[in-house]
Amino acid sequence: MKLRRQAGDALDSAKETLSDVQEASRRVVATTEWATVALIAVSAVSVVALVLATVAYKRAGQEG
């Protein structure tokens, strides 16, 4: 009986650990998704800034 109880305790502990790992995995995925959104936003702003700088450079060349 003692061995069976120990095995049951070990199984419960393993289930709790698996649950913790699953929760951590969900958090990592959520963080990764937000990091991807932030990266896309920064990239979009960079592209717009580059286009505006190019237009300003070309206009300055035409005026000068």
PDB file of N, CA and C in Angstrom:
ATOM      1  N   MET A   1       0.817  -1.199   0.000  1.00  0.00           N
ATOM      2  CA  MET A   1       0.000   0.000   0.000  1.00  0.00           C
ATOM      3  C   MET A   1       0.863   1.266   0.000  1.00  0.00           C
ATOM      4  N   LYS A   2       1.956   1.247   0.743  1.00  0.00           N
ATOM      5  CA  LYS A   2       2.820   2.418   0.823  1.00  0.00           C
ATOM      6  C   LYS A   2       3.410   2.746  -0.554  1.00  0.00           C
ATOM      7  N   LEU A   3       3.827   1.722  -1.272  1.00  0.00           N
ATOM      8  CA  LEU A   3       4.403   1.923  -2.597  1.00  0.00           C
ATOM      9  C   LEU A   3       3.369   2.504  -3.549  1.00  0.00           C
ATOM     10  N   ARG A   4       2.143   2.033  -3.442  1.00  0.00           N
ATOM     11  CA  ARG A   4       1.074   2.539  -4.309  1.00  0.00           C
ATOM     12  C   ARG A   4       0.800   4.011  -3.997  1.00  0.00           C
ATOM     13  N   ARG A   5       0.806   4.364  -2.718  1.00  0.00           N
ATOM     14  CA  ARG A   5       0.581   5.759  -2.342  1.00  0.00           C
ATOM     15  C   ARG A   5       1.716   6.652  -2.851  1.00  0.00           C
ATOM     16  N   GLN A   6       2.948   6.152  -2.739  1.00  0.00           N
ATOM     17  CA  GLN A   6       4.096   6.919  -3.238  1.00  0.00           C
ATOM     18  C   GLN A   6       4.015   7.101  -4.757  1.00  0.00           C
ATOM     19  N   ALA A   7       3.593   6.064  -5.442  1.00  0.00           N
ATOM     20  CA  ALA A   7       3.437   6.158  -6.893  1.00  0.00           C
ATOM     21  C   ALA A   7       2.340   7.158  -7.246  1.00  0.00           C
ATOM     22  N   GLY A   8       1.266   7.148  -6.485  1.00  0.00           N
ATOM     23  CA  GLY A   8       0.179   8.109  -6.700  1.00  0.00           C
ATOM     24  C   GLY A   8       0.642   9.538  -6.451  1.00  0.00           C
ATOM     25  N   ASP A   9       1.429   9.724  -5.388  1.00  0.00           N
ATOM     26  CA  ASP A   9       1.975  11.051  -5.095  1.00  0.00           C
ATOM     27  C   ASP A   9       2.905  11.524  -6.214  1.00  0.00           C
ATOM     28  N   ALA A  10       3.725  10.605  -6.714  1.00  0.00           N
ATOM     29  CA  ALA A  10       4.633  10.946  -7.807  1.00  0.00           C
ATOM     30  C   ALA A  10       3.845  11.320  -9.061  1.00  0.00           C
ATOM     31  N   LEU A  11       2.768  10.594  -9.316  1.00  0.00           N
ATOM     32  CA  LEU A  11       1.929  10.894 -10.477  1.00  0.00           C
ATOM     33  C   LEU A  11       1.279  12.259 -10.319  1.00  0.00           C
ATOM     34  N   ASP A  12       0.769  12.563  -9.135  1.00  0.00           N
ATOM     35  CA  ASP A  12       0.167  13.875  -8.881  1.00  0.00           C
ATOM     36  C   ASP A  12       1.198  14.994  -9.075  1.00  0.00           C
ATOM     37  N   SER A  13       2.398  14.755  -8.582  1.00  0.00           N
ATOM     38  CA  SER A  13       3.465  15.741  -8.729  1.00  0.00           C
ATOM     39  C   SER A  13       3.808  15.951 -10.201  1.00  0.00           C
ATOM     40  N   ALA A  14       3.869  14.875 -10.958  1.00  0.00           N
ATOM     41  CA  ALA A  14       4.164  14.967 -12.387  1.00  0.00           C
ATOM     42  C   ALA A  14       3.060  15.734 -13.117  1.00  0.00           C
ATOM     43  N   LYS A  15       1.818  15.506 -12.730  1.00  0.00           N
ATOM     44  CA  LYS A  15       0.695  16.225 -13.341  1.00  0.00           C
ATOM     45  C   LYS A  15       0.789  17.717 -13.045  1.00  0.00           C
ATOM     46  N   GLU A  16       1.134  18.067 -11.810  1.00  0.00           N
ATOM     47  CA  GLU A  16       1.280  19.474 -11.442  1.00  0.00           C
ATOM     48  C   GLU A  16       2.420  20.124 -12.237  1.00  0.00           C
ATOM     49  N   THR A  17       3.517  19.397 -12.367  1.00  0.00           N
ATOM     50  CA  THR A  17       4.654  19.914 -13.128  1.00  0.00           C
ATOM     51  C   THR A  17       4.268  20.129 -14.580  1.00  0.00           C
ATOM     52  N   LEU A  18       3.563  19.185 -15.163  1.00  0.00           N
ATOM     53  CA  LEU A  18       3.108  19.312 -16.546  1.00  0.00           C
ATOM     54  C   LEU A  18       2.188  20.515 -16.688  1.00  0.00           C
ATOM     55  N   SER A  19       1.307  20.708 -15.739  1.00  0.00           N
ATOM     56  CA  SER A  19       0.414  21.857 -15.769  1.00  0.00           C
ATOM     57  C   SER A  19       1.199  23.165 -15.706  1.00  0.00           C
ATOM     58  N   ASP A  20       2.225  23.207 -14.860  1.00  0.00           N
ATOM     59  CA  ASP A  20       3.070  24.407 -14.761  1.00  0.00           C
ATOM     60  C   ASP A  20       3.812  24.666 -16.071  1.00  0.00           C
ATOM     61  N   VAL A  21       4.305  23.604 -16.682  1.00  0.00           N
ATOM     62  CA  VAL A  21       5.015  23.741 -17.955  1.00  0.00           C
ATOM     63  C   VAL A  21       4.066  24.241 -19.040  1.00  0.00           C
ATOM     64  N   GLN A  22       2.849  23.732 -19.060  1.00  0.00           N
ATOM     65  CA  GLN A  22       1.876  24.166 -20.054  1.00  0.00           C
ATOM     66  C   GLN A  22       1.537  25.647 -19.874  1.00  0.00           C
ATOM     67  N   GLU A  23       1.377  26.072 -18.617  1.00  0.00           N
ATOM     68  CA  GLU A  23       1.077  27.477 -18.345  1.00  0.00           C
ATOM     69  C   GLU A  23       2.244  28.368 -18.773  1.00  0.00           C
ATOM     70  N   ALA A  24       3.453  27.953 -18.471  1.00  0.00           N
ATOM     71  CA  ALA A  24       4.638  28.716 -18.880  1.00  0.00           C
ATOM     72  C   ALA A  24       4.720  28.789 -20.403  1.00  0.00           C
ATOM     73  N   SER A  25       4.388  27.701 -21.061  1.00  0.00           N
ATOM     74  CA  SER A  25       4.414  27.676 -22.524  1.00  0.00           C
ATOM     75  C   SER A  25       3.398  28.657 -23.095  1.00  0.00           C
ATOM     76  N   ARG A  26       2.222  28.707 -22.506  1.00  0.00           N
ATOM     77  CA  ARG A  26       1.204  29.663 -22.969  1.00  0.00           C
ATOM     78  C   ARG A  26       1.701  31.093 -22.814  1.00  0.00           C
ATOM     79  N   ARG A  27       2.356  31.369 -21.702  1.00  0.00           N
ATOM     80  CA  ARG A  27       2.877  32.726 -21.471  1.00  0.00           C
ATOM     81  C   ARG A  27       3.964  33.082 -22.480  1.00  0.00           C
ATOM     82  N   VAL A  28       4.812  32.129 -22.780  1.00  0.00           N
ATOM     83  CA  VAL A  28       5.879  32.375 -23.759  1.00  0.00           C
ATOM     84  C   VAL A  28       5.273  32.663 -25.126  1.00  0.00           C
ATOM     85  N   VAL A  29       4.269  31.896 -25.496  1.00  0.00           N
ATOM     86  CA  VAL A  29       3.614  32.112 -26.793  1.00  0.00           C
ATOM     87  C   VAL A  29       2.972  33.490 -26.833  1.00  0.00           C
ATOM     88  N   ALA A  30       2.287  33.882 -25.764  1.00  0.00           N
ATOM     89  CA  ALA A  30       1.648  35.195 -25.725  1.00  0.00           C
ATOM     90  C   ALA A  30       2.691  36.304 -25.813  1.00  0.00           C
ATOM     91  N   THR A  31       3.793  36.140 -25.112  1.00  0.00           N
ATOM     92  CA  THR A  31       4.870  37.132 -25.156  1.00  0.00           C
ATOM     93  C   THR A  31       5.476  37.202 -26.543  1.00  0.00           C
ATOM     94  N   THR A  32       5.670  36.057 -27.158  1.00  0.00           N
ATOM     95  CA  THR A  32       6.234  36.016 -28.509  1.00  0.00           C
ATOM     96  C   THR A  32       5.308  36.700 -29.501  1.00  0.00           C
ATOM     97  N   GLU A  33       4.012  36.498 -29.343  1.00  0.00           N
ATOM     98  CA  GLU A  33       3.055  37.144 -30.243  1.00  0.00           C
ATOM     99  C   GLU A  33       3.148  38.662 -30.120  1.00  0.00           C
ATOM    100  N   TRP A  34       3.228  39.169 -28.878  1.00  0.00           N
ATOM    101  CA  TRP A  34       3.333  40.613 -28.689  1.00  0.00           C
ATOM    102  C   TRP A  34       4.660  41.141 -29.211  1.00  0.00           C
ATOM    103  N   ALA A  35       5.720  40.368 -29.047  1.00  0.00           N
ATOM    104  CA  ALA A  35       7.024  40.785 -29.568  1.00  0.00           C
ATOM    105  C   ALA A  35       6.986  40.868 -31.092  1.00  0.00           C
ATOM    106  N   THR A  36       6.288  39.936 -31.716  1.00  0.00           N
ATOM    107  CA  THR A  36       6.146  39.953 -33.176  1.00  0.00           C
ATOM    108  C   THR A  36       5.357  41.178 -33.622  1.00  0.00           C
ATOM    109  N   VAL A  37       4.282  41.481 -32.915  1.00  0.00           N
ATOM    110  CA  VAL A  37       3.478  42.669 -33.245  1.00  0.00           C
ATOM    111  C   VAL A  37       4.323  43.927 -33.098  1.00  0.00           C
ATOM    112  N   ALA A  38       5.104  44.005 -32.025  1.00  0.00           N
ATOM    113  CA  ALA A  38       5.961  45.175 -31.813  1.00  0.00           C
ATOM    114  C   ALA A  38       7.013  45.289 -32.912  1.00  0.00           C
ATOM    115  N   LEU A  39       7.590  44.175 -33.297  1.00  0.00           N
ATOM    116  CA  LEU A  39       8.601  44.188 -34.357  1.00  0.00           C
ATOM    117  C   LEU A  39       8.004  44.661 -35.677  1.00  0.00           C
ATOM    118  N   ILE A  40       6.818  44.208 -35.995  1.00  0.00           N
ATOM    119  CA  ILE A  40       6.150  44.635 -37.225  1.00  0.00           C
ATOM    120  C   ILE A  40       5.845  46.128 -37.165  1.00  0.00           C
ATOM    121  N   ALA A  41       5.394  46.604 -36.014  1.00  0.00           N
ATOM    122  CA  ALA A  41       5.086  48.030 -35.872  1.00  0.00           C
ATOM    123  C   ALA A  41       6.339  48.886 -36.036  1.00  0.00           C
ATOM    124  N   VAL A  42       7.424  48.477 -35.414  1.00  0.00           N
ATOM    125  CA  VAL A  42       8.684  49.226 -35.539  1.00  0.00           C
ATOM    126  C   VAL A  42       9.172  49.201 -36.980  1.00  0.00           C
ATOM    127  N   SER A  43       9.040  48.072 -37.627  1.00  0.00           N
ATOM    128  CA  SER A  43       9.448  47.965 -39.034  1.00  0.00           C
ATOM    129  C   SER A  43       8.614  48.889 -39.914  1.00  0.00           C
ATOM    130  N   ALA A  44       7.325  48.927 -39.666  1.00  0.00           N
ATOM    131  CA  ALA A  44       6.440  49.789 -40.456  1.00  0.00           C
ATOM    132  C   ALA A  44       6.810  51.255 -40.274  1.00  0.00           C
ATOM    133  N   VAL A  45       7.073  51.653 -39.043  1.00  0.00           N
ATOM    134  CA  VAL A  45       7.473  53.037 -38.782  1.00  0.00           C
ATOM    135  C   VAL A  45       8.804  53.336 -39.467  1.00  0.00           C
ATOM    136  N   SER A  46       9.717  52.394 -39.435  1.00  0.00           N
ATOM    137  CA  SER A  46      11.022  52.589 -40.087  1.00  0.00           C
ATOM    138  C   SER A  46      10.866  52.757 -41.588  1.00  0.00           C
ATOM    139  N   VAL A  47      10.005  51.970 -42.193  1.00  0.00           N
ATOM    140  CA  VAL A  47       9.778  52.075 -43.635  1.00  0.00           C
ATOM    141  C   VAL A  47       9.177  53.430 -43.973  1.00  0.00           C
ATOM    142  N   VAL A  48       8.204  53.871 -43.198  1.00  0.00           N
ATOM    143  CA  VAL A  48       7.587  55.180 -43.444  1.00  0.00           C
ATOM    144  C   VAL A  48       8.636  56.282 -43.297  1.00  0.00           C
ATOM    145  N   ALA A  49       9.468  56.201 -42.272  1.00  0.00           N
ATOM    146  CA  ALA A  49      10.517  57.207 -42.075  1.00  0.00           C
ATOM    147  C   ALA A  49      11.494  57.210 -43.245  1.00  0.00           C
ATOM    148  N   LEU A  50      11.834  56.041 -43.738  1.00  0.00           N
ATOM    149  CA  LEU A  50      12.745  55.951 -44.878  1.00  0.00           C
ATOM    150  C   LEU A  50      12.125  56.576 -46.129  1.00  0.00           C
ATOM    151  N   VAL A  51      10.861  56.307 -46.357  1.00  0.00           N
ATOM    152  CA  VAL A  51      10.175  56.878 -47.521  1.00  0.00           C
ATOM    153  C   VAL A  51      10.124  58.398 -47.398  1.00  0.00           C
ATOM    154  N   LEU A  52       9.778  58.901 -46.219  1.00  0.00           N
ATOM    155  CA  LEU A  52       9.713  60.356 -46.023  1.00  0.00           C
ATOM    156  C   LEU A  52      11.087  60.999 -46.202  1.00  0.00           C
ATOM    157  N   ALA A  53      12.118  60.357 -45.694  1.00  0.00           N
ATOM    158  CA  ALA A  53      13.478  60.888 -45.849  1.00  0.00           C
ATOM    159  C   ALA A  53      13.893  60.887 -47.318  1.00  0.00           C
ATOM    160  N   THR A  54      13.520  59.846 -48.053  1.00  0.00           N
ATOM    161  CA  THR A  54      13.856  59.771 -49.478  1.00  0.00           C
ATOM    162  C   THR A  54      13.148  60.870 -50.251  1.00  0.00           C
ATOM    163  N   VAL A  55      11.880  61.069 -49.959  1.00  0.00           N
ATOM    164  CA  VAL A  55      11.118  62.124 -50.638  1.00  0.00           C
ATOM    165  C   VAL A  55      11.724  63.484 -50.318  1.00  0.00           C
ATOM    166  N   ALA A  56      12.053  63.733 -49.059  1.00  0.00           N
ATOM    167  CA  ALA A  56      12.646  65.012 -48.662  1.00  0.00           C
ATOM    168  C   ALA A  56      13.998  65.215 -49.351  1.00  0.00           C
ATOM    169  N   TYR A  57      14.785  64.163 -49.452  1.00  0.00           N
ATOM    170  CA  TYR A  57      16.091  64.239 -50.103  1.00  0.00           C
ATOM    171  C   TYR A  57      15.940  64.588 -51.583  1.00  0.00           C
ATOM    172  N   LYS A  58      14.984  63.932 -52.244  1.00  0.00           N
ATOM    173  CA  LYS A  58      14.765  64.190 -53.677  1.00  0.00           C
ATOM    174  C   LYS A  58      14.252  65.612 -53.897  1.00  0.00           C
ATOM    175  N   ARG A  59      13.371  66.091 -53.033  1.00  0.00           N
ATOM    176  CA  ARG A  59      12.855  67.454 -53.173  1.00  0.00           C
ATOM    177  C   ARG A  59      13.968  68.466 -52.941  1.00  0.00           C
ATOM    178  N   ALA A  60      14.814  68.196 -51.970  1.00  0.00           N
ATOM    179  CA  ALA A  60      15.930  69.105 -51.696  1.00  0.00           C
ATOM    180  C   ALA A  60      16.882  69.145 -52.885  1.00  0.00           C
ATOM    181  N   GLY A  61      17.068  68.028 -53.556  1.00  0.00           N
ATOM    182  CA  GLY A  61      17.926  67.970 -54.737  1.00  0.00           C
ATOM    183  C   GLY A  61      17.330  68.739 -55.899  1.00  0.00           C
ATOM    184  N   GLN A  62      16.017  68.734 -56.034  1.00  0.00           N
ATOM    185  CA  GLN A  62      15.352  69.442 -57.123  1.00  0.00           C
ATOM    186  C   GLN A  62      15.383  70.956 -56.900  1.00  0.00           C
ATOM    187  N   GLU A  63      15.299  71.370 -55.657  1.00  0.00           N
ATOM    188  CA  GLU A  63      15.295  72.776 -55.324  1.00  0.00           C
ATOM    189  C   GLU A  63      16.695  73.382 -55.416  1.00  0.00           C
ATOM    190  N   GLY A  64      17.710  72.549 -55.106  1.00  0.00           N
ATOM    191  CA  GLY A  64      19.083  73.058 -55.042  1.00  0.00           C
ATOM    192  C   GLY A  64      19.688  73.021 -56.364  1.00  0.00           C
TER     193      GLY A  64
END
